[in-house]
């Protein structure tokens, strides 16, 4: 993927962003005012072994990031010491099972994969209070919890032996820092996490037989922008960056894109296009309703920026259109 240079002559320091998308991984370097210096990317391969399924090899995300990061530093003429910090966004409900060392045991089940449709229907039928995040209506087979159930019921030996069951962003941050954390934005979007109600909805997970997954998820849920940890030595060597460079907790890719476009207050709208499409705008407050007819495709979850609500219409391959409301938890 060809790089784009802004011609910035700022002395730095700089910030480095990593984006793990569906079609490629991308790296961008910016000065502290947000001026882009250089972009680089590496394409990814998605495999479709059966109808409704989509998989990628997680190691290709990492090797792509290493290649793109080194290229970006070279093209920008920047030394590793000029990078002040790193932030990552990624697709969400892209599910991994890994061993105790974080090595993938299976291909990643991509966000667009809908093999867990039966499991999603069972979750919907519970009527659990945690389903307020889907308007007490449709539960998408794309989301994380249905996929966790599918793994437990169809890949039981791998599931039982897994050290962690995690999302794409969790795994990348672990490769960078050695720390296991999740983003409040991702777990509230795709796994029904609700900090205001105590965090993980144990009643829902227990009812559908996924309560043991809570022990396999990363133990810490961090706000977006919180420091996950410093760049570990092995990762720094592979990426060509400085050991100990701070890595900040990230968010779902589409909502990070909306923030990058300045959609942080009512009256603005961001159109995000790519492997899926989303129209994102902000709300004054969190929107929840118990009316299935009025909110069949409504979802509420934690935002990438504190005290910001974002409503979005989301259309993607293999799914019905849905409407979301993105709401931040108080840090």
C-alpha atoms as a PDB file:
ATOM      1  CA  UNK A   1       0.000   0.000   0.000  1.00  0.00           C
ATOM      2  CA  UNK A   2       1.508   3.317  -1.033  1.00  0.00           C
ATOM      3  CA  UNK A   3       2.346   5.830   1.666  1.00  0.00           C
ATOM      4  CA  UNK A   4       0.990   9.389   1.902  1.00  0.00           C
ATOM      5  CA  UNK A   5       3.197  12.147   3.269  1.00  0.00           C
ATOM      6  CA  UNK A   6       1.931  15.502   4.459  1.00  0.00           C
ATOM      7  CA  UNK A   7       5.184  17.358   4.091  1.00  0.00           C
ATOM      8  CA  UNK A   8       5.153  18.273   7.773  1.00  0.00           C
ATOM      9  CA  UNK A   9       8.466  19.687   8.956  1.00  0.00           C
ATOM     10  CA  UNK A  10       7.637  19.647  12.661  1.00  0.00           C
ATOM     11  CA  UNK A  11      10.463  18.534  14.926  1.00  0.00           C
ATOM     12  CA  UNK A  12       8.230  16.236  16.962  1.00  0.00           C
ATOM     13  CA  UNK A  13       7.567  14.436  19.151  1.00  0.00           C
ATOM     14  CA  UNK A  14       5.067  12.339  17.220  1.00  0.00           C
ATOM     15  CA  UNK A  15       2.220   9.952  17.925  1.00  0.00           C
ATOM     16  CA  UNK A  16       1.836   6.626  16.135  1.00  0.00           C
ATOM     17  CA  UNK A  17      -1.552   5.084  15.409  1.00  0.00           C
ATOM     18  CA  UNK A  18      -2.194   1.472  14.415  1.00  0.00           C
ATOM     19  CA  UNK A  19      -5.411   0.429  12.671  1.00  0.00           C
ATOM     20  CA  UNK A  20      -6.290  -3.248  12.286  1.00  0.00           C
ATOM     21  CA  UNK A  21      -9.022  -3.255   9.675  1.00  0.00           C
ATOM     22  CA  UNK A  22     -10.630  -5.995   7.622  1.00  0.00           C
ATOM     23  CA  UNK A  23      -8.746  -5.476   4.370  1.00  0.00           C
ATOM     24  CA  UNK A  24      -5.454  -4.209   5.737  1.00  0.00           C
ATOM     25  CA  UNK A  25      -3.461  -3.051   8.727  1.00  0.00           C
ATOM     26  CA  UNK A  26      -2.382   0.581   8.630  1.00  0.00           C
ATOM     27  CA  UNK A  27       0.054   2.765  10.525  1.00  0.00           C
ATOM     28  CA  UNK A  28      -0.121   6.549  10.681  1.00  0.00           C
ATOM     29  CA  UNK A  29       2.275   8.990  12.309  1.00  0.00           C
ATOM     30  CA  UNK A  30       1.053  12.425  13.409  1.00  0.00           C
ATOM     31  CA  UNK A  31       2.520  15.440  15.124  1.00  0.00           C
ATOM     32  CA  UNK A  32       1.003  16.608  18.407  1.00  0.00           C
ATOM     33  CA  UNK A  33      -1.383  18.949  16.590  1.00  0.00           C
ATOM     34  CA  UNK A  34      -2.832  16.017  14.657  1.00  0.00           C
ATOM     35  CA  UNK A  35      -1.094  16.837  11.382  1.00  0.00           C
ATOM     36  CA  UNK A  36      -0.426  13.601   9.476  1.00  0.00           C
ATOM     37  CA  UNK A  37       3.180  12.921   8.556  1.00  0.00           C
ATOM     38  CA  UNK A  38       3.026   9.534   6.864  1.00  0.00           C
ATOM     39  CA  UNK A  39       0.717   6.547   6.349  1.00  0.00           C
ATOM     40  CA  UNK A  40       1.683   2.981   5.475  1.00  0.00           C
ATOM     41  CA  UNK A  41      -0.329  -0.213   5.191  1.00  0.00           C
ATOM     42  CA  UNK A  42      -0.203  -3.921   4.417  1.00  0.00           C
ATOM     43  CA  UNK A  43      -3.120  -5.849   2.933  1.00  0.00           C
ATOM     44  CA  UNK A  44      -4.721  -8.799   4.728  1.00  0.00           C
ATOM     45  CA  UNK A  45      -6.285 -11.992   3.432  1.00  0.00           C
ATOM     46  CA  UNK A  46      -9.718 -13.075   4.657  1.00  0.00           C
ATOM     47  CA  UNK A  47     -10.683 -16.702   4.173  1.00  0.00           C
ATOM     48  CA  UNK A  48     -14.281 -17.890   3.842  1.00  0.00           C
ATOM     49  CA  UNK A  49     -14.157 -21.649   4.518  1.00  0.00           C
ATOM     50  CA  UNK A  50     -17.946 -21.967   4.461  1.00  0.00           C
ATOM     51  CA  UNK A  51     -20.888 -19.662   3.688  1.00  0.00           C
ATOM     52  CA  UNK A  52     -21.367 -17.132   6.477  1.00  0.00           C
ATOM     53  CA  UNK A  53     -17.867 -17.653   7.849  1.00  0.00           C
ATOM     54  CA  UNK A  54     -14.864 -15.347   7.717  1.00  0.00           C
ATOM     55  CA  UNK A  55     -11.432 -15.980   9.232  1.00  0.00           C
ATOM     56  CA  UNK A  56      -7.993 -14.396   9.342  1.00  0.00           C
ATOM     57  CA  UNK A  57      -4.614 -15.489  10.668  1.00  0.00           C
ATOM     58  CA  UNK A  58      -3.787 -13.202  13.630  1.00  0.00           C
ATOM     59  CA  UNK A  59      -0.057 -13.456  13.024  1.00  0.00           C
ATOM     60  CA  UNK A  60      -0.565 -11.654   9.705  1.00  0.00           C
ATOM     61  CA  UNK A  61      -1.901  -8.660  11.651  1.00  0.00           C
ATOM     62  CA  UNK A  62       1.309  -8.527  13.627  1.00  0.00           C
ATOM     63  CA  UNK A  63       3.686  -9.066  10.725  1.00  0.00           C
ATOM     64  CA  UNK A  64       1.767  -6.436   8.746  1.00  0.00           C
ATOM     65  CA  UNK A  65       2.063  -3.930  11.593  1.00  0.00           C
ATOM     66  CA  UNK A  66       5.801  -4.574  11.857  1.00  0.00           C
ATOM     67  CA  UNK A  67       6.273  -3.987   8.131  1.00  0.00           C
ATOM     68  CA  UNK A  68       4.058  -0.891   8.032  1.00  0.00           C
ATOM     69  CA  UNK A  69       5.658   0.647  11.136  1.00  0.00           C
ATOM     70  CA  UNK A  70       9.196   0.274   9.837  1.00  0.00           C
ATOM     71  CA  UNK A  71       8.182   1.666   6.451  1.00  0.00           C
ATOM     72  CA  UNK A  72       6.443   4.638   8.045  1.00  0.00           C
ATOM     73  CA  UNK A  73       9.473   5.524  10.159  1.00  0.00           C
ATOM     74  CA  UNK A  74      11.722   5.263   7.120  1.00  0.00           C
ATOM     75  CA  UNK A  75       9.453   7.259   4.824  1.00  0.00           C
ATOM     76  CA  UNK A  76       8.917   9.922   7.472  1.00  0.00           C
ATOM     77  CA  UNK A  77      12.623  10.135   8.230  1.00  0.00           C
ATOM     78  CA  UNK A  78      11.911   9.635  11.930  1.00  0.00           C
ATOM     79  CA  UNK A  79      13.934   7.975  14.640  1.00  0.00           C
ATOM     80  CA  UNK A  80      12.179   5.659  17.160  1.00  0.00           C
ATOM     81  CA  UNK A  81      12.890   8.111  19.945  1.00  0.00           C
ATOM     82  CA  UNK A  82      10.640  10.689  18.263  1.00  0.00           C
ATOM     83  CA  UNK A  83       7.533   8.530  18.886  1.00  0.00           C
ATOM     84  CA  UNK A  84       5.908   9.751  22.099  1.00  0.00           C
ATOM     85  CA  UNK A  85       3.129   7.173  22.300  1.00  0.00           C
ATOM     86  CA  UNK A  86       1.121   4.500  20.473  1.00  0.00           C
ATOM     87  CA  UNK A  87      -2.621   4.015  20.090  1.00  0.00           C
ATOM     88  CA  UNK A  88      -4.490   1.150  18.447  1.00  0.00           C
ATOM     89  CA  UNK A  89      -7.958   0.707  16.989  1.00  0.00           C
ATOM     90  CA  UNK A  90      -9.316  -2.517  15.544  1.00  0.00           C
ATOM     91  CA  UNK A  91     -12.349  -4.394  14.344  1.00  0.00           C
ATOM     92  CA  UNK A  92     -14.487  -5.609  17.237  1.00  0.00           C
ATOM     93  CA  UNK A  93     -16.099  -8.997  17.926  1.00  0.00           C
ATOM     94  CA  UNK A  94     -13.161 -10.464  16.014  1.00  0.00           C
ATOM     95  CA  UNK A  95     -12.619 -13.358  18.408  1.00  0.00           C
ATOM     96  CA  UNK A  96      -9.426 -15.249  19.268  1.00  0.00           C
ATOM     97  CA  UNK A  97      -8.623 -18.280  21.407  1.00  0.00           C
ATOM     98  CA  UNK A  98      -4.997 -18.272  22.568  1.00  0.00           C
ATOM     99  CA  UNK A  99      -2.761 -20.282  24.883  1.00  0.00           C
ATOM    100  CA  UNK A 100      -1.141 -19.014  28.089  1.00  0.00           C
ATOM    101  CA  UNK A 101       1.597 -17.331  26.047  1.00  0.00           C
ATOM    102  CA  UNK A 102      -0.914 -15.573  23.797  1.00  0.00           C
ATOM    103  CA  UNK A 103      -0.312 -17.823  20.781  1.00  0.00           C
ATOM    104  CA  UNK A 104      -3.456 -18.307  18.636  1.00  0.00           C
ATOM    105  CA  UNK A 105      -4.971 -21.790  18.773  1.00  0.00           C
ATOM    106  CA  UNK A 106      -7.398 -21.229  15.885  1.00  0.00           C
ATOM    107  CA  UNK A 107      -7.853 -18.683  13.096  1.00  0.00           C
ATOM    108  CA  UNK A 108      -9.558 -15.514  14.296  1.00  0.00           C
ATOM    109  CA  UNK A 109     -13.318 -15.492  13.796  1.00  0.00           C
ATOM    110  CA  UNK A 110     -13.881 -12.173  12.048  1.00  0.00           C
ATOM    111  CA  UNK A 111     -16.457  -9.588  13.032  1.00  0.00           C
ATOM    112  CA  UNK A 112     -18.545 -10.289   9.907  1.00  0.00           C
ATOM    113  CA  UNK A 113     -18.743 -14.040  10.616  1.00  0.00           C
ATOM    114  CA  UNK A 114     -22.312 -15.180  11.376  1.00  0.00           C
ATOM    115  CA  UNK A 115     -21.815 -18.864  12.213  1.00  0.00           C
ATOM    116  CA  UNK A 116     -23.219 -18.196  15.698  1.00  0.00           C
ATOM    117  CA  UNK A 117     -26.757 -17.358  14.558  1.00  0.00           C
ATOM    118  CA  UNK A 118     -28.383 -20.091  16.672  1.00  0.00           C
ATOM    119  CA  UNK A 119     -26.446 -18.983  19.737  1.00  0.00           C
ATOM    120  CA  UNK A 120     -27.484 -15.372  19.129  1.00  0.00           C
ATOM    121  CA  UNK A 121     -31.145 -16.416  19.020  1.00  0.00           C
ATOM    122  CA  UNK A 122     -30.783 -18.248  22.345  1.00  0.00           C
ATOM    123  CA  UNK A 123     -29.253 -15.175  23.961  1.00  0.00           C
ATOM    124  CA  UNK A 124     -32.116 -13.053  22.660  1.00  0.00           C
ATOM    125  CA  UNK A 125     -34.697 -15.465  24.064  1.00  0.00           C
ATOM    126  CA  UNK A 126     -33.391 -15.061  27.625  1.00  0.00           C
ATOM    127  CA  UNK A 127     -34.881 -11.589  27.949  1.00  0.00           C
ATOM    128  CA  UNK A 128     -32.081 -10.840  30.421  1.00  0.00           C
ATOM    129  CA  UNK A 129     -31.862  -7.208  31.636  1.00  0.00           C
ATOM    130  CA  UNK A 130     -28.435  -6.928  29.989  1.00  0.00           C
ATOM    131  CA  UNK A 131     -30.234  -7.031  26.641  1.00  0.00           C
ATOM    132  CA  UNK A 132     -31.164  -3.384  27.134  1.00  0.00           C
ATOM    133  CA  UNK A 133     -28.029  -2.819  25.064  1.00  0.00           C
ATOM    134  CA  UNK A 134     -29.802  -4.335  22.080  1.00  0.00           C
ATOM    135  CA  UNK A 135     -33.153  -2.728  22.848  1.00  0.00           C
ATOM    136  CA  UNK A 136     -34.390  -6.084  24.191  1.00  0.00           C
ATOM    137  CA  UNK A 137     -34.530  -7.050  20.538  1.00  0.00           C
ATOM    138  CA  UNK A 138     -32.256  -8.658  17.994  1.00  0.00           C
ATOM    139  CA  UNK A 139     -28.895 -10.032  19.114  1.00  0.00           C
ATOM    140  CA  UNK A 140     -26.475 -10.121  16.209  1.00  0.00           C
ATOM    141  CA  UNK A 141     -24.576 -13.298  15.377  1.00  0.00           C
ATOM    142  CA  UNK A 142     -21.624 -10.999  14.734  1.00  0.00           C
ATOM    143  CA  UNK A 143     -21.276 -10.036  18.391  1.00  0.00           C
ATOM    144  CA  UNK A 144     -18.754 -11.515  20.774  1.00  0.00           C
ATOM    145  CA  UNK A 145     -20.912 -13.486  23.200  1.00  0.00           C
ATOM    146  CA  UNK A 146     -22.645 -15.609  20.523  1.00  0.00           C
ATOM    147  CA  UNK A 147     -19.233 -16.471  19.086  1.00  0.00           C
ATOM    148  CA  UNK A 148     -17.921 -17.418  22.526  1.00  0.00           C
ATOM    149  CA  UNK A 149     -20.852 -19.814  22.890  1.00  0.00           C
ATOM    150  CA  UNK A 150     -20.217 -21.252  19.433  1.00  0.00           C
ATOM    151  CA  UNK A 151     -16.577 -21.900  20.323  1.00  0.00           C
ATOM    152  CA  UNK A 152     -17.522 -23.610  23.575  1.00  0.00           C
ATOM    153  CA  UNK A 153     -20.055 -25.857  21.876  1.00  0.00           C
ATOM    154  CA  UNK A 154     -18.193 -26.622  18.646  1.00  0.00           C
ATOM    155  CA  UNK A 155     -14.494 -26.389  19.564  1.00  0.00           C
ATOM    156  CA  UNK A 156     -14.776 -27.597  23.158  1.00  0.00           C
ATOM    157  CA  UNK A 157     -11.289 -29.056  23.505  1.00  0.00           C
ATOM    158  CA  UNK A 158      -9.668 -25.868  22.220  1.00  0.00           C
ATOM    159  CA  UNK A 159     -11.993 -23.706  24.306  1.00  0.00           C
ATOM    160  CA  UNK A 160     -11.312 -25.602  27.528  1.00  0.00           C
ATOM    161  CA  UNK A 161      -7.549 -25.466  26.943  1.00  0.00           C
ATOM    162  CA  UNK A 162      -7.446 -21.789  25.999  1.00  0.00           C
ATOM    163  CA  UNK A 163      -5.514 -19.489  28.286  1.00  0.00           C
ATOM    164  CA  UNK A 164      -7.503 -16.514  27.019  1.00  0.00           C
ATOM    165  CA  UNK A 165     -10.526 -15.812  24.868  1.00  0.00           C
ATOM    166  CA  UNK A 166     -10.135 -12.265  23.648  1.00  0.00           C
ATOM    167  CA  UNK A 167     -10.907  -9.704  20.987  1.00  0.00           C
ATOM    168  CA  UNK A 168      -8.545  -8.456  18.284  1.00  0.00           C
ATOM    169  CA  UNK A 169      -7.635  -5.242  20.115  1.00  0.00           C
ATOM    170  CA  UNK A 170      -6.906  -7.161  23.333  1.00  0.00           C
ATOM    171  CA  UNK A 171      -4.474  -9.444  21.517  1.00  0.00           C
ATOM    172  CA  UNK A 172      -2.630  -6.628  19.740  1.00  0.00           C
ATOM    173  CA  UNK A 173      -2.209  -4.702  22.990  1.00  0.00           C
ATOM    174  CA  UNK A 174      -0.897  -7.872  24.627  1.00  0.00           C
ATOM    175  CA  UNK A 175       1.643  -8.339  21.834  1.00  0.00           C
ATOM    176  CA  UNK A 176       2.731  -4.745  22.322  1.00  0.00           C
ATOM    177  CA  UNK A 177       2.934  -4.628  26.115  1.00  0.00           C
ATOM    178  CA  UNK A 178       2.546  -8.116  27.587  1.00  0.00           C
ATOM    179  CA  UNK A 179      -0.560  -6.897  29.472  1.00  0.00           C
ATOM    180  CA  UNK A 180      -4.032  -8.443  29.172  1.00  0.00           C
ATOM    181  CA  UNK A 181      -6.688  -5.724  29.075  1.00  0.00           C
ATOM    182  CA  UNK A 182      -9.934  -4.968  27.276  1.00  0.00           C
ATOM    183  CA  UNK A 183     -11.347  -1.649  26.091  1.00  0.00           C
ATOM    184  CA  UNK A 184     -14.547  -0.380  27.708  1.00  0.00           C
ATOM    185  CA  UNK A 185     -15.626   0.569  24.195  1.00  0.00           C
ATOM    186  CA  UNK A 186     -15.330  -2.979  22.837  1.00  0.00           C
ATOM    187  CA  UNK A 187     -16.696  -5.030  25.734  1.00  0.00           C
ATOM    188  CA  UNK A 188     -19.757  -2.841  26.177  1.00  0.00           C
ATOM    189  CA  UNK A 189     -20.369  -2.849  22.428  1.00  0.00           C
ATOM    190  CA  UNK A 190     -20.046  -6.563  21.740  1.00  0.00           C
ATOM    191  CA  UNK A 191     -20.135  -8.431  25.068  1.00  0.00           C
ATOM    192  CA  UNK A 192     -22.893  -6.674  27.111  1.00  0.00           C
ATOM    193  CA  UNK A 193     -20.461  -5.275  29.681  1.00  0.00           C
ATOM    194  CA  UNK A 194     -22.104  -2.558  31.822  1.00  0.00           C
ATOM    195  CA  UNK A 195     -19.898  -0.712  34.286  1.00  0.00           C
ATOM    196  CA  UNK A 196     -22.901   1.071  35.797  1.00  0.00           C
ATOM    197  CA  UNK A 197     -24.388  -2.316  36.729  1.00  0.00           C
ATOM    198  CA  UNK A 198     -21.215  -3.869  38.075  1.00  0.00           C
ATOM    199  CA  UNK A 199     -19.449  -4.877  34.859  1.00  0.00           C
ATOM    200  CA  UNK A 200     -19.960  -8.321  33.347  1.00  0.00           C
ATOM    201  CA  UNK A 201     -23.620  -9.465  33.326  1.00  0.00           C
ATOM    202  CA  UNK A 202     -23.132 -12.720  35.209  1.00  0.00           C
ATOM    203  CA  UNK A 203     -26.824 -13.581  35.053  1.00  0.00           C
ATOM    204  CA  UNK A 204     -26.865 -13.492  31.255  1.00  0.00           C
ATOM    205  CA  UNK A 205     -23.618 -15.407  30.902  1.00  0.00           C
ATOM    206  CA  UNK A 206     -24.759 -17.997  33.439  1.00  0.00           C
ATOM    207  CA  UNK A 207     -28.157 -18.472  31.814  1.00  0.00           C
ATOM    208  CA  UNK A 208     -26.658 -19.276  28.412  1.00  0.00           C
ATOM    209  CA  UNK A 209     -23.834 -21.381  29.861  1.00  0.00           C
ATOM    210  CA  UNK A 210     -20.950 -19.018  29.193  1.00  0.00           C
ATOM    211  CA  UNK A 211     -20.104 -18.023  32.764  1.00  0.00           C
ATOM    212  CA  UNK A 212     -16.745 -19.809  32.540  1.00  0.00           C
ATOM    213  CA  UNK A 213     -15.769 -17.409  29.729  1.00  0.00           C
ATOM    214  CA  UNK A 214     -15.532 -14.610  32.279  1.00  0.00           C
ATOM    215  CA  UNK A 215     -12.419 -16.291  33.682  1.00  0.00           C
ATOM    216  CA  UNK A 216     -10.885 -16.463  30.207  1.00  0.00           C
ATOM    217  CA  UNK A 217     -11.473 -12.821  29.271  1.00  0.00           C
ATOM    218  CA  UNK A 218      -8.700 -10.263  29.981  1.00  0.00           C
ATOM    219  CA  UNK A 219      -8.914  -9.349  33.685  1.00  0.00           C
ATOM    220  CA  UNK A 220      -8.816  -5.546  33.315  1.00  0.00           C
ATOM    221  CA  UNK A 221     -11.267  -3.284  31.454  1.00  0.00           C
ATOM    222  CA  UNK A 222      -9.727   0.132  30.756  1.00  0.00           C
ATOM    223  CA  UNK A 223     -11.094   3.446  29.582  1.00  0.00           C
ATOM    224  CA  UNK A 224     -10.034   4.578  26.138  1.00  0.00           C
ATOM    225  CA  UNK A 225      -6.837   6.588  26.411  1.00  0.00           C
ATOM    226  CA  UNK A 226      -5.676   4.872  29.600  1.00  0.00           C
ATOM    227  CA  UNK A 227      -2.120   3.569  29.505  1.00  0.00           C
ATOM    228  CA  UNK A 228      -2.064  -0.198  28.913  1.00  0.00           C
ATOM    229  CA  UNK A 229       1.687  -0.432  29.460  1.00  0.00           C
ATOM    230  CA  UNK A 230       5.054   0.215  27.895  1.00  0.00           C
ATOM    231  CA  UNK A 231       6.262  -1.369  24.674  1.00  0.00           C
ATOM    232  CA  UNK A 232       8.059  -4.587  25.590  1.00  0.00           C
ATOM    233  CA  UNK A 233      11.499  -5.407  24.253  1.00  0.00           C
ATOM    234  CA  UNK A 234      10.542  -8.102  21.732  1.00  0.00           C
ATOM    235  CA  UNK A 235       7.768  -5.972  20.250  1.00  0.00           C
ATOM    236  CA  UNK A 236      10.016  -2.902  20.093  1.00  0.00           C
ATOM    237  CA  UNK A 237      12.650  -4.846  18.194  1.00  0.00           C
ATOM    238  CA  UNK A 238      10.134  -6.203  15.685  1.00  0.00           C
ATOM    239  CA  UNK A 239       8.479  -2.831  15.110  1.00  0.00           C
ATOM    240  CA  UNK A 240      11.657  -0.749  15.138  1.00  0.00           C
ATOM    241  CA  UNK A 241      10.439   1.385  18.047  1.00  0.00           C
ATOM    242  CA  UNK A 242      11.803   2.358  21.453  1.00  0.00           C
ATOM    243  CA  UNK A 243      11.363  -0.012  24.405  1.00  0.00           C
ATOM    244  CA  UNK A 244       8.925   1.360  26.961  1.00  0.00           C
ATOM    245  CA  UNK A 245       7.011   3.636  24.564  1.00  0.00           C
ATOM    246  CA  UNK A 246       3.566   4.085  26.204  1.00  0.00           C
ATOM    247  CA  UNK A 247       0.658   2.243  24.589  1.00  0.00           C
ATOM    248  CA  UNK A 248      -2.812   3.728  25.154  1.00  0.00           C
ATOM    249  CA  UNK A 249      -6.035   1.750  25.278  1.00  0.00           C
ATOM    250  CA  UNK A 250      -7.924   2.011  22.006  1.00  0.00           C
ATOM    251  CA  UNK A 251     -11.431   1.510  20.647  1.00  0.00           C
ATOM    252  CA  UNK A 252     -13.513   0.023  17.864  1.00  0.00           C
ATOM    253  CA  UNK A 253     -12.224   1.199  14.494  1.00  0.00           C
ATOM    254  CA  UNK A 254     -15.368   2.873  13.138  1.00  0.00           C
ATOM    255  CA  UNK A 255     -15.913   4.967  16.252  1.00  0.00           C
ATOM    256  CA  UNK A 256     -12.282   5.947  16.393  1.00  0.00           C
ATOM    257  CA  UNK A 257     -12.766   7.146  12.825  1.00  0.00           C
ATOM    258  CA  UNK A 258     -15.772   9.221  13.852  1.00  0.00           C
ATOM    259  CA  UNK A 259     -13.738  10.852  16.613  1.00  0.00           C
ATOM    260  CA  UNK A 260     -10.970  11.564  14.140  1.00  0.00           C
ATOM    261  CA  UNK A 261     -13.517  13.399  12.017  1.00  0.00           C
ATOM    262  CA  UNK A 262     -14.503  15.553  14.989  1.00  0.00           C
ATOM    263  CA  UNK A 263     -17.919  14.010  15.623  1.00  0.00           C
ATOM    264  CA  UNK A 264     -17.927  14.683  19.358  1.00  0.00           C
ATOM    265  CA  UNK A 265     -21.003  16.884  19.782  1.00  0.00           C
ATOM    266  CA  UNK A 266     -24.595  16.961  18.483  1.00  0.00           C
ATOM    267  CA  UNK A 267     -25.109  18.335  15.001  1.00  0.00           C
ATOM    268  CA  UNK A 268     -22.281  16.461  13.294  1.00  0.00           C
ATOM    269  CA  UNK A 269     -22.300  13.181  11.387  1.00  0.00           C
ATOM    270  CA  UNK A 270     -19.509  10.923  10.157  1.00  0.00           C
ATOM    271  CA  UNK A 271     -19.920   8.505   7.259  1.00  0.00           C
ATOM    272  CA  UNK A 272     -17.455   5.645   7.684  1.00  0.00           C
ATOM    273  CA  UNK A 273     -17.057   3.385   4.665  1.00  0.00           C
ATOM    274  CA  UNK A 274     -15.007   0.279   4.031  1.00  0.00           C
ATOM    275  CA  UNK A 275     -15.820  -3.402   4.529  1.00  0.00           C
ATOM    276  CA  UNK A 276     -18.914  -2.113   6.330  1.00  0.00           C
ATOM    277  CA  UNK A 277     -20.561   1.293   6.377  1.00  0.00           C
ATOM    278  CA  UNK A 278     -21.670   3.453   9.280  1.00  0.00           C
ATOM    279  CA  UNK A 279     -23.264   6.870   9.711  1.00  0.00           C
ATOM    280  CA  UNK A 280     -22.302   8.155  13.165  1.00  0.00           C
ATOM    281  CA  UNK A 281     -23.682  11.153  15.034  1.00  0.00           C
ATOM    282  CA  UNK A 282     -23.844  12.241  18.656  1.00  0.00           C
ATOM    283  CA  UNK A 283     -26.729  12.306  21.144  1.00  0.00           C
ATOM    284  CA  UNK A 284     -27.262  14.416  24.240  1.00  0.00           C
ATOM    285  CA  UNK A 285     -27.791  11.369  26.458  1.00  0.00           C
ATOM    286  CA  UNK A 286     -27.933   7.597  26.460  1.00  0.00           C
ATOM    287  CA  UNK A 287     -30.935   6.191  24.621  1.00  0.00           C
ATOM    288  CA  UNK A 288     -32.548   3.028  25.966  1.00  0.00           C
ATOM    289  CA  UNK A 289     -36.037   1.630  25.497  1.00  0.00           C
ATOM    290  CA  UNK A 290     -37.845  -1.563  26.420  1.00  0.00           C
ATOM    291  CA  UNK A 291     -40.028  -1.474  23.313  1.00  0.00           C
ATOM    292  CA  UNK A 292     -38.917  -4.217  20.896  1.00  0.00           C
ATOM    293  CA  UNK A 293     -40.960  -2.733  18.069  1.00  0.00           C
ATOM    294  CA  UNK A 294     -39.441   0.706  18.497  1.00  0.00           C
ATOM    295  CA  UNK A 295     -35.897  -0.513  19.031  1.00  0.00           C
ATOM    296  CA  UNK A 296     -35.503  -3.835  17.256  1.00  0.00           C
ATOM    297  CA  UNK A 297     -32.040  -2.833  16.057  1.00  0.00           C
ATOM    298  CA  UNK A 298     -31.017  -0.388  18.790  1.00  0.00           C
ATOM    299  CA  UNK A 299     -27.829  -0.902  20.745  1.00  0.00           C
ATOM    300  CA  UNK A 300     -26.230   1.226  23.494  1.00  0.00           C
ATOM    301  CA  UNK A 301     -22.630   0.975  24.607  1.00  0.00           C
ATOM    302  CA  UNK A 302     -19.605   2.831  25.934  1.00  0.00           C
ATOM    303  CA  UNK A 303     -17.953   5.445  23.777  1.00  0.00           C
ATOM    304  CA  UNK A 304     -14.370   6.231  22.974  1.00  0.00           C
ATOM    305  CA  UNK A 305     -14.617   9.649  24.619  1.00  0.00           C
ATOM    306  CA  UNK A 306     -16.043  10.315  28.114  1.00  0.00           C
ATOM    307  CA  UNK A 307     -19.548  11.796  28.233  1.00  0.00           C
ATOM    308  CA  UNK A 308     -20.095  11.547  24.485  1.00  0.00           C
ATOM    309  CA  UNK A 309     -23.011   9.643  22.978  1.00  0.00           C
ATOM    310  CA  UNK A 310     -22.924   8.543  19.368  1.00  0.00           C
ATOM    311  CA  UNK A 311     -25.838   7.140  17.407  1.00  0.00           C
ATOM    312  CA  UNK A 312     -24.981   5.205  14.291  1.00  0.00           C
ATOM    313  CA  UNK A 313     -26.702   3.386  11.498  1.00  0.00           C
ATOM    314  CA  UNK A 314     -24.598   0.388  10.569  1.00  0.00           C
ATOM    315  CA  UNK A 315     -24.878  -1.728   7.443  1.00  0.00           C
ATOM    316  CA  UNK A 316     -22.556  -4.648   6.832  1.00  0.00           C
ATOM    317  CA  UNK A 317     -22.229  -7.786   4.723  1.00  0.00           C
ATOM    318  CA  UNK A 318     -24.186 -10.817   5.987  1.00  0.00           C
ATOM    319  CA  UNK A 319     -26.255  -8.792   8.475  1.00  0.00           C
ATOM    320  CA  UNK A 320     -29.400  -6.747   8.726  1.00  0.00           C
ATOM    321  CA  UNK A 321     -29.105  -2.977   9.183  1.00  0.00           C
ATOM    322  CA  UNK A 322     -28.885  -1.945  12.821  1.00  0.00           C
ATOM    323  CA  UNK A 323     -28.853   1.286  14.780  1.00  0.00           C
ATOM    324  CA  UNK A 324     -26.456   1.912  17.634  1.00  0.00           C
ATOM    325  CA  UNK A 325     -26.080   4.448  20.414  1.00  0.00           C
ATOM    326  CA  UNK A 326     -22.517   4.951  21.629  1.00  0.00           C
ATOM    327  CA  UNK A 327     -22.348   6.216  25.193  1.00  0.00           C
ATOM    328  CA  UNK A 328     -19.320   6.781  27.389  1.00  0.00           C
ATOM    329  CA  UNK A 329     -19.032   5.589  30.930  1.00  0.00           C
ATOM    330  CA  UNK A 330     -17.886   8.112  33.528  1.00  0.00           C
ATOM    331  CA  UNK A 331     -14.123   7.566  34.002  1.00  0.00           C
END
